[in-house]
Amino acid sequence: MSASCQFYLDQAALCAKSAERATLANQRETYVRAGAAWQALADREIDITTAREKRDAEKIARQIEPDLVAAHSDPIRPEPISLLDAASGGETR
């Protein structure tokens, strides 16, 4: 988790605690709204980070895939010998 995301979550928690301790209704509402805003920022940061990590993983997979295909491809095979050629010792007519 990034430092900014952790900061957003800490601020949301602080607002929730402040809302619980607030004696006035308007103060409580202000803290609740502020806490929701901080939580929305944290959620957005998490979504962005998740999407970035997924995009980076897909990019790496696309770069590695051709290498894997090349590494696992069959070596060049010689032309198959027909049964007639095998019977004649491989001589061509």
N, C-alpha and C. Protein backbone atom coordinates (compact mmCIF):
# COMPACT_ATOMS: atom_id res chain seq x y z
N MET A 1 0.85 -1.17 0.00
CA MET A 1 0.00 0.00 0.00
C MET A 1 0.90 1.24 0.00
N SER A 2 0.52 2.20 -0.79
CA SER A 2 1.35 3.40 -0.90
C SER A 2 1.19 4.28 0.34
N ALA A 3 2.15 5.16 0.51
CA ALA A 3 2.12 6.06 1.66
C ALA A 3 0.92 6.98 1.60
N SER A 4 0.57 7.45 0.40
CA SER A 4 -0.58 8.36 0.29
C SER A 4 -1.87 7.63 0.64
N CYS A 5 -1.98 6.37 0.23
CA CYS A 5 -3.18 5.60 0.55
C CYS A 5 -3.30 5.41 2.06
N GLN A 6 -2.20 5.07 2.69
CA GLN A 6 -2.20 4.89 4.14
C GLN A 6 -2.56 6.21 4.83
N PHE A 7 -2.07 7.31 4.32
CA PHE A 7 -2.41 8.62 4.88
C PHE A 7 -3.91 8.87 4.78
N TYR A 8 -4.49 8.57 3.61
CA TYR A 8 -5.93 8.76 3.41
C TYR A 8 -6.73 7.92 4.39
N LEU A 9 -6.31 6.66 4.57
CA LEU A 9 -7.02 5.78 5.50
C LEU A 9 -6.88 6.26 6.94
N ASP A 10 -5.70 6.75 7.29
CA ASP A 10 -5.49 7.29 8.64
C ASP A 10 -6.38 8.50 8.89
N GLN A 11 -6.49 9.36 7.90
CA GLN A 11 -7.33 10.55 8.03
C GLN A 11 -8.81 10.16 8.15
N ALA A 12 -9.23 9.16 7.39
CA ALA A 12 -10.62 8.69 7.47
C ALA A 12 -10.92 8.15 8.87
N ALA A 13 -9.96 7.39 9.43
CA ALA A 13 -10.13 6.85 10.78
C ALA A 13 -10.16 7.96 11.82
N LEU A 14 -9.32 8.96 11.64
CA LEU A 14 -9.30 10.10 12.55
C LEU A 14 -10.62 10.86 12.52
N CYS A 15 -11.16 11.03 11.34
CA CYS A 15 -12.46 11.71 11.21
C CYS A 15 -13.57 10.90 11.87
N ALA A 16 -13.51 9.57 11.74
CA ALA A 16 -14.52 8.72 12.37
C ALA A 16 -14.46 8.86 13.89
N LYS A 17 -13.26 8.86 14.45
CA LYS A 17 -13.11 9.02 15.89
C LYS A 17 -13.59 10.40 16.33
N SER A 18 -13.25 11.40 15.55
CA SER A 18 -13.68 12.77 15.89
C SER A 18 -15.19 12.90 15.82
N ALA A 19 -15.80 12.23 14.85
CA ALA A 19 -17.26 12.28 14.73
C ALA A 19 -17.92 11.63 15.94
N GLU A 20 -17.34 10.54 16.45
CA GLU A 20 -17.89 9.88 17.64
C GLU A 20 -17.82 10.77 18.87
N ARG A 21 -16.77 11.58 18.97
CA ARG A 21 -16.57 12.43 20.13
C ARG A 21 -17.24 13.79 20.02
N ALA A 22 -17.70 14.12 18.82
CA ALA A 22 -18.29 15.45 18.62
C ALA A 22 -19.59 15.56 19.41
N THR A 23 -19.75 16.71 20.05
CA THR A 23 -20.95 16.93 20.85
C THR A 23 -22.04 17.63 20.04
N LEU A 24 -21.65 18.39 19.05
CA LEU A 24 -22.62 19.10 18.23
C LEU A 24 -22.92 18.32 16.95
N ALA A 25 -24.16 18.35 16.53
CA ALA A 25 -24.60 17.61 15.35
C ALA A 25 -23.89 18.10 14.08
N ASN A 26 -23.73 19.43 13.96
CA ASN A 26 -23.09 19.95 12.75
C ASN A 26 -21.61 19.56 12.69
N GLN A 27 -20.94 19.48 13.86
CA GLN A 27 -19.55 19.01 13.89
C GLN A 27 -19.49 17.55 13.45
N ARG A 28 -20.39 16.75 14.01
CA ARG A 28 -20.41 15.33 13.68
C ARG A 28 -20.62 15.14 12.19
N GLU A 29 -21.54 15.86 11.59
CA GLU A 29 -21.80 15.76 10.15
C GLU A 29 -20.58 16.16 9.33
N THR A 30 -19.90 17.20 9.78
CA THR A 30 -18.70 17.65 9.08
C THR A 30 -17.63 16.56 9.09
N TYR A 31 -17.41 15.97 10.27
CA TYR A 31 -16.41 14.89 10.37
C TYR A 31 -16.82 13.67 9.53
N VAL A 32 -18.09 13.34 9.52
CA VAL A 32 -18.56 12.20 8.74
C VAL A 32 -18.34 12.45 7.25
N ARG A 33 -18.67 13.66 6.79
CA ARG A 33 -18.45 13.99 5.38
C ARG A 33 -16.97 13.98 5.03
N ALA A 34 -16.15 14.54 5.92
CA ALA A 34 -14.71 14.57 5.69
C ALA A 34 -14.15 13.13 5.66
N GLY A 35 -14.63 12.30 6.57
CA GLY A 35 -14.19 10.91 6.60
C GLY A 35 -14.56 10.18 5.32
N ALA A 36 -15.76 10.46 4.81
CA ALA A 36 -16.18 9.83 3.54
C ALA A 36 -15.30 10.29 2.39
N ALA A 37 -14.92 11.56 2.40
CA ALA A 37 -14.05 12.09 1.34
C ALA A 37 -12.67 11.44 1.41
N TRP A 38 -12.11 11.31 2.62
CA TRP A 38 -10.81 10.65 2.77
C TRP A 38 -10.89 9.19 2.34
N GLN A 39 -11.98 8.52 2.69
CA GLN A 39 -12.14 7.11 2.31
C GLN A 39 -12.26 6.99 0.79
N ALA A 40 -12.96 7.93 0.16
CA ALA A 40 -13.09 7.91 -1.31
C ALA A 40 -11.71 8.08 -1.96
N LEU A 41 -10.88 8.96 -1.41
CA LEU A 41 -9.53 9.13 -1.94
C LEU A 41 -8.71 7.85 -1.78
N ALA A 42 -8.84 7.18 -0.63
CA ALA A 42 -8.12 5.94 -0.41
C ALA A 42 -8.59 4.86 -1.39
N ASP A 43 -9.91 4.76 -1.57
CA ASP A 43 -10.46 3.77 -2.50
C ASP A 43 -9.97 4.03 -3.92
N ARG A 44 -9.95 5.29 -4.31
CA ARG A 44 -9.49 5.65 -5.64
C ARG A 44 -8.01 5.28 -5.82
N GLU A 45 -7.22 5.56 -4.81
CA GLU A 45 -5.78 5.23 -4.85
C GLU A 45 -5.58 3.72 -4.98
N ILE A 46 -6.37 2.95 -4.24
CA ILE A 46 -6.29 1.49 -4.31
C ILE A 46 -6.67 1.01 -5.70
N ASP A 47 -7.74 1.55 -6.27
CA ASP A 47 -8.17 1.16 -7.62
C ASP A 47 -7.10 1.49 -8.66
N ILE A 48 -6.52 2.66 -8.54
CA ILE A 48 -5.47 3.08 -9.49
C ILE A 48 -4.25 2.16 -9.37
N THR A 49 -3.84 1.88 -8.14
CA THR A 49 -2.68 1.02 -7.92
C THR A 49 -2.93 -0.39 -8.45
N THR A 50 -4.12 -0.92 -8.19
CA THR A 50 -4.47 -2.25 -8.67
C THR A 50 -4.47 -2.30 -10.19
N ALA A 51 -5.06 -1.29 -10.82
CA ALA A 51 -5.09 -1.25 -12.29
C ALA A 51 -3.69 -1.12 -12.86
N ARG A 52 -2.83 -0.32 -12.23
CA ARG A 52 -1.46 -0.15 -12.70
C ARG A 52 -0.69 -1.46 -12.60
N GLU A 53 -0.84 -2.16 -11.46
CA GLU A 53 -0.15 -3.44 -11.28
C GLU A 53 -0.63 -4.47 -12.30
N LYS A 54 -1.92 -4.50 -12.57
CA LYS A 54 -2.46 -5.43 -13.55
C LYS A 54 -1.93 -5.11 -14.95
N ARG A 55 -1.93 -3.82 -15.29
CA ARG A 55 -1.44 -3.39 -16.61
C ARG A 55 0.04 -3.73 -16.76
N ASP A 56 0.84 -3.50 -15.71
CA ASP A 56 2.26 -3.81 -15.77
C ASP A 56 2.50 -5.32 -15.90
N ALA A 57 1.71 -6.12 -15.19
CA ALA A 57 1.86 -7.57 -15.27
C ALA A 57 1.51 -8.07 -16.67
N GLU A 58 0.45 -7.51 -17.27
CA GLU A 58 0.08 -7.90 -18.62
C GLU A 58 1.15 -7.49 -19.63
N LYS A 59 1.74 -6.33 -19.41
CA LYS A 59 2.80 -5.87 -20.30
C LYS A 59 4.01 -6.79 -20.23
N ILE A 60 4.38 -7.18 -19.03
CA ILE A 60 5.51 -8.09 -18.85
C ILE A 60 5.19 -9.44 -19.48
N ALA A 61 3.96 -9.91 -19.29
CA ALA A 61 3.56 -11.20 -19.88
C ALA A 61 3.64 -11.16 -21.39
N ARG A 62 3.23 -10.04 -21.98
CA ARG A 62 3.31 -9.91 -23.44
C ARG A 62 4.76 -9.89 -23.92
N GLN A 63 5.67 -9.34 -23.13
CA GLN A 63 7.07 -9.30 -23.50
C GLN A 63 7.72 -10.67 -23.35
N ILE A 64 7.32 -11.42 -22.35
CA ILE A 64 7.92 -12.73 -22.08
C ILE A 64 7.35 -13.80 -23.00
N GLU A 65 6.09 -13.69 -23.38
CA GLU A 65 5.43 -14.73 -24.16
C GLU A 65 6.18 -15.12 -25.43
N PRO A 66 6.63 -14.19 -26.27
CA PRO A 66 7.37 -14.62 -27.46
C PRO A 66 8.64 -15.39 -27.11
N ASP A 67 9.30 -15.02 -26.03
CA ASP A 67 10.50 -15.73 -25.62
C ASP A 67 10.18 -17.16 -25.19
N LEU A 68 9.05 -17.35 -24.50
CA LEU A 68 8.66 -18.68 -24.08
C LEU A 68 8.30 -19.55 -25.28
N VAL A 69 7.61 -18.97 -26.23
CA VAL A 69 7.23 -19.72 -27.43
C VAL A 69 8.49 -20.15 -28.17
N ALA A 70 9.44 -19.27 -28.32
CA ALA A 70 10.68 -19.59 -29.02
C ALA A 70 11.48 -20.65 -28.26
N ALA A 71 11.48 -20.59 -26.95
CA ALA A 71 12.25 -21.54 -26.16
C ALA A 71 11.64 -22.93 -26.21
N HIS A 72 10.34 -23.03 -26.39
CA HIS A 72 9.67 -24.32 -26.38
C HIS A 72 9.33 -24.84 -27.77
N SER A 73 9.74 -24.15 -28.80
CA SER A 73 9.42 -24.62 -30.14
C SER A 73 10.29 -25.81 -30.48
N ASP A 74 9.78 -26.67 -31.35
CA ASP A 74 10.51 -27.87 -31.76
C ASP A 74 11.71 -27.49 -32.63
N PRO A 75 12.81 -28.25 -32.49
CA PRO A 75 13.94 -27.98 -33.38
C PRO A 75 13.55 -28.33 -34.81
N ILE A 76 14.31 -27.86 -35.73
CA ILE A 76 14.01 -28.12 -37.14
C ILE A 76 14.14 -29.61 -37.38
N ARG A 77 13.09 -30.17 -37.89
CA ARG A 77 13.08 -31.61 -38.15
C ARG A 77 13.47 -31.86 -39.60
N PRO A 78 14.22 -32.93 -39.84
CA PRO A 78 14.53 -33.26 -41.24
C PRO A 78 13.27 -33.77 -41.93
N GLU A 79 13.32 -33.74 -43.22
CA GLU A 79 12.18 -34.23 -44.01
C GLU A 79 11.95 -35.70 -43.67
N PRO A 80 10.71 -36.11 -43.53
CA PRO A 80 10.46 -37.52 -43.24
C PRO A 80 10.84 -38.38 -44.44
N ILE A 81 11.33 -39.56 -44.13
CA ILE A 81 11.73 -40.50 -45.18
C ILE A 81 10.53 -41.38 -45.50
N SER A 82 10.21 -41.51 -46.75
CA SER A 82 9.08 -42.37 -47.12
C SER A 82 9.50 -43.83 -46.98
N LEU A 83 8.53 -44.71 -46.91
CA LEU A 83 8.83 -46.14 -46.79
C LEU A 83 9.58 -46.65 -48.00
N LEU A 84 9.29 -46.12 -49.17
CA LEU A 84 10.00 -46.57 -50.38
C LEU A 84 11.47 -46.17 -50.31
N ASP A 85 11.75 -44.96 -49.85
CA ASP A 85 13.13 -44.51 -49.73
C ASP A 85 13.86 -45.31 -48.67
N ALA A 86 13.18 -45.67 -47.57
CA ALA A 86 13.81 -46.44 -46.51
C ALA A 86 14.15 -47.83 -47.00
N ALA A 87 13.31 -48.42 -47.85
CA ALA A 87 13.55 -49.77 -48.36
C ALA A 87 14.73 -49.78 -49.31
N SER A 88 14.93 -48.68 -50.03
CA SER A 88 16.03 -48.64 -50.99
C SER A 88 17.32 -48.10 -50.38
N GLY A 89 17.32 -47.93 -49.08
CA GLY A 89 18.52 -47.45 -48.41
C GLY A 89 18.65 -45.94 -48.46
N GLY A 90 17.56 -45.26 -48.76
CA GLY A 90 17.56 -43.80 -48.77
C GLY A 90 17.99 -43.21 -50.08
N GLU A 91 18.25 -44.07 -51.07
CA GLU A 91 18.66 -43.56 -52.37
C GLU A 91 17.44 -43.02 -53.11
N THR A 92 17.65 -41.98 -53.81
CA THR A 92 16.57 -41.42 -54.63
C THR A 92 16.66 -41.96 -56.02
N ARG A 93 15.57 -41.99 -56.71
CA ARG A 93 15.54 -42.54 -58.06
C ARG A 93 15.82 -41.52 -59.09
